[in-house]
């Protein structure tokens, strides 16, 4: 049974006659009540597989990436949901890793020139002089490293300034560079507060080598 909270123009919860009411991200909605069909066609199976892949790929980015860098810049959805929307088409066999966007923003990004694996550590380097029209040497840089084989994510110990030209990620136990996919981005904070994030960049991709 549906519930009308306070008057016909208020929020509706549950099924009322032929409509269903609810809320998502603090937004009330009404939709027609429809019993969904489930013919389990081949295209549906492929889409469900892609959805399962993109969710599994993204779930470990929530705390380290989405909550810190992307959630505050989204309107009406979480950073996680934005990632799923932007990248589900890239899932499949194989996943198009080079086109995946982990963060999305207007700040001038960071492009890794090298990302080399040695003794369980990936050393990443970029040209600190390339800051574009809105970047700065004081911008922070962070990254995420994904192992295609172990399905694990690895992160740097902390952000570094763009001016340092490099960052490292400990990925002990990983021995195959071709299986490691790097995503790197920049973050700009308020000049008066090192914790007030103002802008982020699109992530860029780099295949790890030895």
Protein backbone atom coordinates (compact mmCIF):
# COMPACT_ATOMS: atom_id res chain seq x y z
CA UNK A 1 0.00 0.00 0.00
CA UNK A 2 1.27 3.48 -0.86
CA UNK A 3 1.50 6.34 1.62
CA UNK A 4 0.92 10.02 0.83
CA UNK A 5 2.87 11.96 3.45
CA UNK A 6 0.85 15.18 3.68
CA UNK A 7 -1.44 16.12 0.85
CA UNK A 8 -1.65 15.13 -2.79
CA UNK A 9 1.34 17.32 -3.75
CA UNK A 10 3.64 15.79 -1.15
CA UNK A 11 6.06 12.87 -1.41
CA UNK A 12 4.46 9.51 -2.23
CA UNK A 13 5.95 6.25 -1.01
CA UNK A 14 4.98 2.86 -2.43
CA UNK A 15 2.27 1.89 -4.92
CA UNK A 16 -0.85 4.02 -5.32
CA UNK A 17 -3.28 2.68 -7.93
CA UNK A 18 -1.27 2.50 -11.18
CA UNK A 19 1.74 4.53 -10.05
CA UNK A 20 4.71 3.97 -7.78
CA UNK A 21 6.28 6.75 -5.74
CA UNK A 22 9.62 7.03 -4.04
CA UNK A 23 12.73 9.15 -3.72
CA UNK A 24 16.29 8.96 -5.01
CA UNK A 25 19.07 11.33 -3.93
CA UNK A 26 16.44 13.37 -2.02
CA UNK A 27 14.37 13.81 -5.19
CA UNK A 28 10.77 12.60 -5.15
CA UNK A 29 9.41 10.79 -8.21
CA UNK A 30 6.29 9.09 -9.56
CA UNK A 31 6.36 6.46 -12.28
CA UNK A 32 3.93 4.08 -13.87
CA UNK A 33 3.74 0.67 -12.22
CA UNK A 34 4.96 -1.89 -14.74
CA UNK A 35 5.75 -5.56 -14.21
CA UNK A 36 9.14 -5.86 -15.91
CA UNK A 37 9.64 -8.39 -18.68
CA UNK A 38 12.63 -10.71 -18.48
CA UNK A 39 13.05 -12.53 -21.79
CA UNK A 40 16.80 -12.97 -21.08
CA UNK A 41 17.83 -12.22 -24.63
CA UNK A 42 21.47 -12.35 -25.71
CA UNK A 43 21.78 -8.51 -25.72
CA UNK A 44 20.34 -8.44 -22.18
CA UNK A 45 22.84 -11.08 -21.05
CA UNK A 46 25.70 -9.06 -22.53
CA UNK A 47 24.49 -5.86 -20.85
CA UNK A 48 24.12 -7.62 -17.49
CA UNK A 49 27.65 -8.96 -17.81
CA UNK A 50 28.94 -5.46 -18.54
CA UNK A 51 27.06 -4.09 -15.55
CA UNK A 52 28.54 -6.76 -13.29
CA UNK A 53 32.02 -5.99 -14.64
CA UNK A 54 31.80 -2.23 -14.23
CA UNK A 55 30.42 -2.52 -10.69
CA UNK A 56 33.15 -4.97 -9.68
CA UNK A 57 35.75 -2.69 -11.30
CA UNK A 58 34.48 0.41 -9.51
CA UNK A 59 33.55 -0.81 -6.05
CA UNK A 60 37.09 -0.60 -4.67
CA UNK A 61 37.46 2.96 -5.96
CA UNK A 62 34.72 4.28 -3.69
CA UNK A 63 36.69 5.16 -0.56
CA UNK A 64 40.01 6.11 -2.10
CA UNK A 65 38.77 7.94 -5.19
CA UNK A 66 35.06 8.68 -5.51
CA UNK A 67 34.47 9.83 -1.92
CA UNK A 68 37.60 12.00 -1.94
CA UNK A 69 37.74 13.41 -5.47
CA UNK A 70 34.53 13.05 -7.48
CA UNK A 71 31.43 12.94 -5.27
CA UNK A 72 31.39 16.69 -4.52
CA UNK A 73 31.43 17.62 -8.22
CA UNK A 74 28.45 15.48 -9.21
CA UNK A 75 24.85 16.68 -9.16
CA UNK A 76 22.07 14.20 -8.61
CA UNK A 77 24.34 11.14 -8.55
CA UNK A 78 27.39 9.79 -6.77
CA UNK A 79 30.87 9.52 -8.23
CA UNK A 80 30.34 5.77 -8.30
CA UNK A 81 27.18 6.08 -10.40
CA UNK A 82 28.88 8.57 -12.72
CA UNK A 83 31.72 6.10 -13.24
CA UNK A 84 29.28 3.30 -14.07
CA UNK A 85 27.37 5.51 -16.52
CA UNK A 86 30.53 6.73 -18.26
CA UNK A 87 32.33 3.40 -18.50
CA UNK A 88 29.83 0.56 -18.80
CA UNK A 89 30.13 0.57 -22.60
CA UNK A 90 33.87 -0.12 -22.26
CA UNK A 91 33.32 -3.35 -20.37
CA UNK A 92 33.27 -6.73 -22.08
CA UNK A 93 35.88 -9.14 -23.32
CA UNK A 94 38.32 -7.53 -23.32
CA UNK A 95 37.79 -4.39 -21.20
CA UNK A 96 38.95 -1.23 -22.98
CA UNK A 97 41.21 -0.10 -20.13
CA UNK A 98 42.85 2.76 -22.02
CA UNK A 99 39.52 4.56 -22.46
CA UNK A 100 38.26 4.22 -18.89
CA UNK A 101 37.83 7.56 -17.10
CA UNK A 102 38.29 7.29 -13.32
CA UNK A 103 37.96 11.01 -12.55
CA UNK A 104 36.40 13.74 -14.66
CA UNK A 105 37.08 17.47 -14.33
CA UNK A 106 38.28 20.71 -15.90
CA UNK A 107 41.75 21.01 -14.34
CA UNK A 108 44.76 20.49 -16.60
CA UNK A 109 45.63 16.84 -16.18
CA UNK A 110 48.78 14.82 -15.65
CA UNK A 111 50.14 12.51 -18.34
CA UNK A 112 52.55 9.86 -17.11
CA UNK A 113 55.60 9.66 -19.35
CA UNK A 114 56.76 6.45 -17.70
CA UNK A 115 55.28 3.91 -15.31
CA UNK A 116 57.78 1.16 -14.59
CA UNK A 117 57.49 -1.91 -12.39
CA UNK A 118 60.52 -3.05 -10.41
CA UNK A 119 60.61 -5.24 -7.27
CA UNK A 120 56.94 -4.74 -6.45
CA UNK A 121 56.98 -0.96 -6.88
CA UNK A 122 55.70 1.12 -9.79
CA UNK A 123 57.62 4.37 -10.36
CA UNK A 124 55.62 6.99 -12.24
CA UNK A 125 57.09 10.13 -13.82
CA UNK A 126 55.63 13.13 -15.65
CA UNK A 127 56.80 16.49 -16.98
CA UNK A 128 56.12 19.01 -14.19
CA UNK A 129 56.56 21.94 -16.58
CA UNK A 130 53.36 21.06 -18.47
CA UNK A 131 50.62 22.75 -16.46
CA UNK A 132 48.32 24.07 -19.19
CA UNK A 133 46.16 27.15 -18.80
CA UNK A 134 44.80 26.44 -15.32
CA UNK A 135 47.26 24.09 -13.69
CA UNK A 136 49.88 25.01 -11.10
CA UNK A 137 53.04 23.53 -9.67
CA UNK A 138 51.27 23.33 -6.31
CA UNK A 139 48.50 21.08 -7.65
CA UNK A 140 48.38 17.67 -6.04
CA UNK A 141 48.71 14.43 -7.99
CA UNK A 142 47.24 11.04 -7.10
CA UNK A 143 46.87 7.73 -8.92
CA UNK A 144 45.26 4.31 -8.90
CA UNK A 145 46.85 1.09 -10.13
CA UNK A 146 44.72 -1.86 -11.21
CA UNK A 147 45.89 -5.46 -11.60
CA UNK A 148 43.97 -7.27 -14.32
CA UNK A 149 45.06 -10.67 -12.98
CA UNK A 150 44.52 -10.32 -9.23
CA UNK A 151 41.65 -7.80 -9.54
CA UNK A 152 43.30 -5.62 -6.88
CA UNK A 153 43.73 -1.85 -6.68
CA UNK A 154 46.85 -0.15 -5.32
CA UNK A 155 47.38 3.49 -4.37
CA UNK A 156 50.26 5.83 -3.49
CA UNK A 157 50.91 6.44 0.20
CA UNK A 158 49.83 10.07 -0.24
CA UNK A 159 49.32 12.81 -2.81
CA UNK A 160 52.38 14.65 -4.09
CA UNK A 161 52.75 18.09 -5.66
CA UNK A 162 52.75 18.31 -9.44
CA UNK A 163 56.19 19.94 -9.19
CA UNK A 164 57.77 16.73 -7.83
CA UNK A 165 57.48 15.07 -11.29
CA UNK A 166 56.93 11.61 -9.83
CA UNK A 167 55.05 9.31 -7.49
CA UNK A 168 55.39 5.65 -6.47
CA UNK A 169 52.89 2.89 -5.79
CA UNK A 170 53.75 -0.20 -3.76
CA UNK A 171 52.15 -3.26 -5.36
CA UNK A 172 53.97 -6.06 -3.58
CA UNK A 173 53.24 -9.46 -5.09
CA UNK A 174 52.54 -8.12 -8.59
CA UNK A 175 55.15 -9.37 -11.04
CA UNK A 176 53.58 -8.92 -14.49
CA UNK A 177 53.77 -5.36 -15.82
CA UNK A 178 51.36 -5.98 -18.76
CA UNK A 179 48.63 -6.78 -16.24
CA UNK A 180 48.98 -3.40 -14.45
CA UNK A 181 46.88 -0.44 -15.58
CA UNK A 182 47.61 3.05 -14.22
CA UNK A 183 45.18 5.96 -13.88
CA UNK A 184 46.57 9.31 -12.76
CA UNK A 185 45.02 12.75 -12.18
CA UNK A 186 45.57 16.18 -10.63
CA UNK A 187 43.67 17.97 -7.86
CA UNK A 188 43.67 21.67 -7.06
CA UNK A 189 42.96 22.92 -3.54
CA UNK A 190 42.04 26.36 -2.20
CA UNK A 191 45.07 28.61 -1.54
CA UNK A 192 43.67 29.24 1.95
CA UNK A 193 42.81 25.63 2.84
CA UNK A 194 44.75 22.52 1.92
CA UNK A 195 41.62 20.42 2.54
CA UNK A 196 39.19 22.40 0.36
CA UNK A 197 39.16 20.71 -3.03
CA UNK A 198 38.29 23.14 -5.83
CA UNK A 199 38.94 21.28 -9.07
CA UNK A 200 40.09 17.94 -10.44
CA UNK A 201 41.28 16.76 -13.83
CA UNK A 202 40.28 13.93 -16.09
CA UNK A 203 42.30 10.85 -15.30
CA UNK A 204 44.79 9.68 -17.91
CA UNK A 205 45.81 6.10 -18.61
CA UNK A 206 49.26 4.53 -18.76
CA UNK A 207 50.20 0.92 -19.39
CA UNK A 208 52.86 -0.17 -16.90
CA UNK A 209 56.12 -1.50 -18.31
CA UNK A 210 59.35 -2.92 -16.87
